[in-house]
C-alpha atoms as a PDB file:
ATOM      1  CA  MET A   1      14.517  -8.576  13.591  1.00  0.00           C
ATOM      2  CA  GLU A   2      12.654 -10.063  16.065  1.00  0.00           C
ATOM      3  CA  GLU A   3      11.557  -8.826  19.712  1.00  0.00           C
ATOM      4  CA  PRO A   4      10.779 -11.728  21.900  1.00  0.00           C
ATOM      5  CA  THR A   5       7.872 -11.119  24.308  1.00  0.00           C
ATOM      6  CA  ASN A   6       5.984 -13.601  26.519  1.00  0.00           C
ATOM      7  CA  ASN A   7       2.379 -11.954  25.345  1.00  0.00           C
ATOM      8  CA  ASN A   8       0.034 -14.843  25.527  1.00  0.00           C
ATOM      9  CA  SER A   9       3.179 -17.446  23.873  1.00  0.00           C
ATOM     10  CA  VAL A  10       3.322 -15.364  20.646  1.00  0.00           C
ATOM     11  CA  ASN A  11       6.285 -13.286  19.504  1.00  0.00           C
ATOM     12  CA  SER A  12       6.217  -9.926  19.067  1.00  0.00           C
ATOM     13  CA  ILE A  13       7.778  -9.017  15.485  1.00  0.00           C
ATOM     14  CA  VAL A  14       8.930  -5.730  14.764  1.00  0.00           C
ATOM     15  CA  TRP A  15      10.014  -3.990  11.942  1.00  0.00           C
ATOM     16  CA  GLN A  16      10.560  -1.083   9.725  1.00  0.00           C
ATOM     17  CA  ALA A  17       9.624  -0.250   6.565  1.00  0.00           C
ATOM     18  CA  ALA A  18       9.029   2.530   3.847  1.00  0.00           C
ATOM     19  CA  GLU A  19       5.413   3.546   4.159  1.00  0.00           C
ATOM     20  CA  PHE A  20       5.122   3.325   0.748  1.00  0.00           C
ATOM     21  CA  GLU A  21       6.992   2.512  -2.350  1.00  0.00           C
ATOM     22  CA  THR A  22       8.059   5.114  -4.050  1.00  0.00           C
ATOM     23  CA  HIS A  23       8.681   4.871  -8.533  1.00  0.00           C
ATOM     24  CA  ILE A  24      11.319   6.750 -10.814  1.00  0.00           C
ATOM     25  CA  ARG A  25       9.368   8.413 -13.563  1.00  0.00           C
ATOM     26  CA  ASP A  26      11.440   9.240 -16.563  1.00  0.00           C
ATOM     27  CA  TRP A  27      11.666  11.955 -18.873  1.00  0.00           C
ATOM     28  CA  ARG A  28       8.756   9.571 -20.695  1.00  0.00           C
ATOM     29  CA  TRP A  29       6.653   9.105 -18.529  1.00  0.00           C
ATOM     30  CA  TYR A  30       6.194  12.985 -18.464  1.00  0.00           C
ATOM     31  CA  ALA A  31       5.769  13.480 -21.608  1.00  0.00           C
ATOM     32  CA  VAL A  32       3.185  11.382 -22.092  1.00  0.00           C
ATOM     33  CA  PHE A  33       1.315  12.182 -18.843  1.00  0.00           C
ATOM     34  CA  SER A  34       1.436  15.657 -20.438  1.00  0.00           C
ATOM     35  CA  LEU A  35       0.144  14.978 -23.908  1.00  0.00           C
ATOM     36  CA  LEU A  36      -2.696  13.499 -22.134  1.00  0.00           C
ATOM     37  CA  TRP A  37      -3.524  16.365 -19.741  1.00  0.00           C
ATOM     38  CA  VAL A  38      -2.966  18.517 -22.415  1.00  0.00           C
ATOM     39  CA  VAL A  39      -5.844  16.903 -24.874  1.00  0.00           C
ATOM     40  CA  LEU A  40      -8.107  16.555 -21.666  1.00  0.00           C
ATOM     41  CA  ILE A  41      -7.890  20.100 -20.712  1.00  0.00           C
ATOM     42  CA  GLY A  42      -8.247  20.828 -24.482  1.00  0.00           C
ATOM     43  CA  TYR A  43     -10.983  18.619 -24.954  1.00  0.00           C
ATOM     44  CA  SER A  44     -12.959  19.786 -21.861  1.00  0.00           C
ATOM     45  CA  ILE A  45     -12.558  23.824 -22.813  1.00  0.00           C
ATOM     46  CA  TYR A  46     -13.648  22.936 -26.465  1.00  0.00           C
ATOM     47  CA  SER A  47     -17.134  20.924 -25.287  1.00  0.00           C
ATOM     48  CA  ARG A  48     -17.439  23.837 -22.474  1.00  0.00           C
ATOM     49  CA  GLN A  49     -17.300  21.274 -19.801  1.00  0.00           C
ATOM     50  CA  TRP A  50     -16.109  23.692 -16.757  1.00  0.00           C
ATOM     51  CA  MET A  51     -16.143  20.844 -14.110  1.00  0.00           C
ATOM     52  CA  LEU A  52     -14.210  18.437 -16.047  1.00  0.00           C
ATOM     53  CA  LEU A  53     -11.470  20.946 -16.926  1.00  0.00           C
ATOM     54  CA  ALA A  54     -11.325  21.881 -12.965  1.00  0.00           C
ATOM     55  CA  SER A  55     -11.347  17.879 -12.298  1.00  0.00           C
ATOM     56  CA  VAL A  56      -8.408  17.604 -14.597  1.00  0.00           C
ATOM     57  CA  VAL A  57      -6.419  20.537 -13.932  1.00  0.00           C
ATOM     58  CA  VAL A  58      -6.862  19.508 -10.020  1.00  0.00           C
ATOM     59  CA  VAL A  59      -5.920  15.361 -10.331  1.00  0.00           C
ATOM     60  CA  GLY A  60      -3.576  16.486 -12.797  1.00  0.00           C
ATOM     61  CA  SER A  61      -1.926  18.406 -10.643  1.00  0.00           C
ATOM     62  CA  LEU A  62      -2.162  16.422  -8.008  1.00  0.00           C
ATOM     63  CA  LEU A  63      -0.583  13.153  -9.859  1.00  0.00           C
ATOM     64  CA  LEU A  64       2.210  15.716 -11.488  1.00  0.00           C
ATOM     65  CA  PHE A  65       3.557  16.713  -7.850  1.00  0.00           C
ATOM     66  CA  SER A  66       3.174  13.294  -5.911  1.00  0.00           C
ATOM     67  CA  ASN A  67       6.327  12.354  -6.896  1.00  0.00           C
ATOM     68  CA  ARG A  68       7.413  15.076  -4.339  1.00  0.00           C
ATOM     69  CA  ILE A  69       6.113  13.012  -1.506  1.00  0.00           C
ATOM     70  CA  ARG A  70       8.703  10.871   0.345  1.00  0.00           C
ATOM     71  CA  PRO A  71       7.765   7.795   2.195  1.00  0.00           C
ATOM     72  CA  ARG A  72       8.157   7.610   6.356  1.00  0.00           C
ATOM     73  CA  GLN A  73       9.629   5.156   7.632  1.00  0.00           C
ATOM     74  CA  MET A  74       6.828   3.468   9.808  1.00  0.00           C
ATOM     75  CA  THR A  75       7.426   0.883  12.864  1.00  0.00           C
ATOM     76  CA  TYR A  76       5.149  -2.475  12.505  1.00  0.00           C
ATOM     77  CA  ARG A  77       4.287  -4.996  14.817  1.00  0.00           C
ATOM     78  CA  ILE A  78       2.380  -7.987  15.118  1.00  0.00           C
ATOM     79  CA  ASP A  79       1.722  -9.703  18.328  1.00  0.00           C
ATOM     80  CA  SER A  80      -1.327 -11.231  20.077  1.00  0.00           C
ATOM     81  CA  ALA A  81      -3.161  -7.839  20.213  1.00  0.00           C
ATOM     82  CA  GLY A  82      -2.980  -7.308  16.441  1.00  0.00           C
ATOM     83  CA  LEU A  83      -1.233  -5.629  14.278  1.00  0.00           C
ATOM     84  CA  SER A  84       0.465  -1.664  14.962  1.00  0.00           C
ATOM     85  CA  ILE A  85       1.657   0.594  12.368  1.00  0.00           C
ATOM     86  CA  ASN A  86       3.068   3.576  14.210  1.00  0.00           C
ATOM     87  CA  ASN A  87       1.155   2.807  17.330  1.00  0.00           C
ATOM     88  CA  LYS A  88      -1.975   2.619  15.734  1.00  0.00           C
ATOM     89  CA  LEU A  89      -3.487  -1.195  16.698  1.00  0.00           C
ATOM     90  CA  TYR A  90      -5.590  -3.050  14.159  1.00  0.00           C
ATOM     91  CA  LEU A  91      -7.247  -6.052  16.433  1.00  0.00           C
ATOM     92  CA  PHE A  92      -7.429  -9.186  15.000  1.00  0.00           C
ATOM     93  CA  GLU A  93     -10.908  -8.742  14.745  1.00  0.00           C
ATOM     94  CA  GLN A  94     -10.938  -5.770  12.823  1.00  0.00           C
ATOM     95  CA  LEU A  95      -9.034  -7.904  10.222  1.00  0.00           C
ATOM     96  CA  LYS A  96     -10.447 -10.441   7.812  1.00  0.00           C
ATOM     97  CA  ASN A  97      -7.465 -12.337   6.822  1.00  0.00           C
ATOM     98  CA  TYR A  98      -3.981 -12.000   5.086  1.00  0.00           C
ATOM     99  CA  TRP A  99      -1.536 -13.162   2.442  1.00  0.00           C
ATOM    100  CA  PHE A 100       1.934 -12.422   0.934  1.00  0.00           C
ATOM    101  CA  HIS A 101       3.023 -11.976  -2.499  1.00  0.00           C
ATOM    102  CA  VAL A 102       6.265 -11.638  -4.149  1.00  0.00           C
ATOM    103  CA  LYS A 103       6.791  -8.824  -6.784  1.00  0.00           C
ATOM    104  CA  ASP A 104      10.336  -7.548  -7.987  1.00  0.00           C
ATOM    105  CA  GLY A 105      12.415  -9.811  -5.193  1.00  0.00           C
ATOM    106  CA  LYS A 106      10.371  -7.934  -2.606  1.00  0.00           C
ATOM    107  CA  VAL A 107       7.721  -9.464   0.111  1.00  0.00           C
ATOM    108  CA  TYR A 108       4.670  -7.945   0.877  1.00  0.00           C
ATOM    109  CA  LEU A 109       1.793  -8.527   3.623  1.00  0.00           C
ATOM    110  CA  ASN A 110      -1.355  -7.917   2.526  1.00  0.00           C
ATOM    111  CA  LEU A 111      -4.276  -7.827   5.385  1.00  0.00           C
ATOM    112  CA  VAL A 112      -8.104  -7.413   4.299  1.00  0.00           C
ATOM    113  CA  SER A 113      -9.826  -5.120   6.911  1.00  0.00           C
ATOM    114  CA  THR A 114     -13.642  -6.134   7.772  1.00  0.00           C
ATOM    115  CA  SER A 115     -14.754  -2.642   6.962  1.00  0.00           C
ATOM    116  CA  LYS A 116     -16.119  -2.123   3.275  1.00  0.00           C
ATOM    117  CA  PHE A 117     -14.281   1.334   3.430  1.00  0.00           C
ATOM    118  CA  MET A 118     -10.295   0.535   4.096  1.00  0.00           C
ATOM    119  CA  PRO A 119      -8.463  -0.269   1.681  1.00  0.00           C
ATOM    120  CA  THR A 120      -6.124  -3.459   1.570  1.00  0.00           C
ATOM    121  CA  ILE A 121      -3.024  -2.822   3.598  1.00  0.00           C
ATOM    122  CA  THR A 122      -0.134  -3.730   2.085  1.00  0.00           C
ATOM    123  CA  ILE A 123       3.209  -3.872   4.207  1.00  0.00           C
ATOM    124  CA  ARG A 124       6.854  -4.570   2.855  1.00  0.00           C
ATOM    125  CA  ILE A 125       8.378  -7.053   5.023  1.00  0.00           C
ATOM    126  CA  ASP A 126      12.285  -9.005   5.125  1.00  0.00           C
ATOM    127  CA  GLN A 127      11.738 -12.342   3.274  1.00  0.00           C
ATOM    128  CA  SER A 128      13.332 -13.289   6.877  1.00  0.00           C
ATOM    129  CA  ASN A 129      10.807 -12.111   8.574  1.00  0.00           C
ATOM    130  CA  GLN A 130       7.613 -13.929   6.529  1.00  0.00           C
ATOM    131  CA  GLU A 131       7.836 -17.518   8.291  1.00  0.00           C
ATOM    132  CA  SER A 132       7.908 -15.549  11.772  1.00  0.00           C
ATOM    133  CA  ILE A 133       4.867 -13.544  10.581  1.00  0.00           C
ATOM    134  CA  GLN A 134       2.763 -16.255   8.748  1.00  0.00           C
ATOM    135  CA  THR A 135       3.043 -18.124  12.169  1.00  0.00           C
ATOM    136  CA  VAL A 136       1.995 -15.656  14.431  1.00  0.00           C
ATOM    137  CA  LEU A 137      -1.080 -14.565  11.904  1.00  0.00           C
ATOM    138  CA  ALA A 138      -1.982 -18.117  11.512  1.00  0.00           C
ATOM    139  CA  LYS A 139      -2.884 -18.465  15.191  1.00  0.00           C
ATOM    140  CA  PHE A 140      -5.156 -15.561  14.483  1.00  0.00           C
ATOM    141  CA  LEU A 141      -6.416 -14.814  11.048  1.00  0.00           C
ATOM    142  CA  PRO A 142      -6.761 -17.064   7.668  1.00  0.00           C
ATOM    143  CA  MET A 143      -4.279 -17.314   4.650  1.00  0.00           C
ATOM    144  CA  SER A 144      -6.339 -15.825   1.873  1.00  0.00           C
ATOM    145  CA  GLU A 145      -6.242 -18.235  -1.589  1.00  0.00           C
ATOM    146  CA  HIS A 146      -5.082 -14.571  -2.588  1.00  0.00           C
ATOM    147  CA  THR A 147      -1.259 -14.976  -4.025  1.00  0.00           C
ATOM    148  CA  ASP A 148      -1.193 -11.420  -5.839  1.00  0.00           C
ATOM    149  CA  GLU A 149      -0.769  -8.292  -5.223  1.00  0.00           C
ATOM    150  CA  ASP A 150      -4.376  -5.668  -4.621  1.00  0.00           C
ATOM    151  CA  TRP A 151      -5.665  -4.725  -8.118  1.00  0.00           C
ATOM    152  CA  ILE A 152      -5.033  -0.916  -6.689  1.00  0.00           C
ATOM    153  CA  ASP A 153      -1.753  -0.956  -6.402  1.00  0.00           C
ATOM    154  CA  LYS A 154      -1.211  -2.957  -9.939  1.00  0.00           C
ATOM    155  CA  ILE A 155      -2.886   0.516 -11.224  1.00  0.00           C
ATOM    156  CA  ASN A 156      -0.485   2.307  -8.911  1.00  0.00           C
ATOM    157  CA  ARG A 157       2.624   0.742 -10.009  1.00  0.00           C
ATOM    158  CA  PHE A 158       1.330   1.318 -13.909  1.00  0.00           C
ATOM    159  CA  LEU A 159       0.887   5.014 -13.289  1.00  0.00           C
ATOM    160  CA  LYS A 160       3.637   5.179 -10.777  1.00  0.00           C
ATOM    161  CA  VAL A 161       1.903   7.066  -8.383  1.00  0.00           C
END
């Protein structure tokens, strides 16, 4: 959904999307996870690595229960000021470049921050909005040659977290 406003001759583009993608975990995921978890716990007890044991229990518990977290509906806005996510503004000066990638018929916008400690921002968009989003972003940011999803997103999708 586009909302035309006269903001330095750039139309604002506003849309809503889920905060993150959810993955369906079947019984096989839980079986493999449980097996690996038990093996790691057993190894850490056998080798008397108590810090490893604590880490395996905490990380395993977080992974096991992370599927219970439901994504919030976020409001995204791109205009001449920058990218706004639920009223948190990322100025274009804070962003290095962008690219789009398609995965399973869904289009994603990826934005790289100039900050080394901020991950790539990945946002699901409607394919119908891609051209208008690209038109606005091209005025402020270079488009990256990168056309695939970020490596951390690949790992998350593989692990279904």
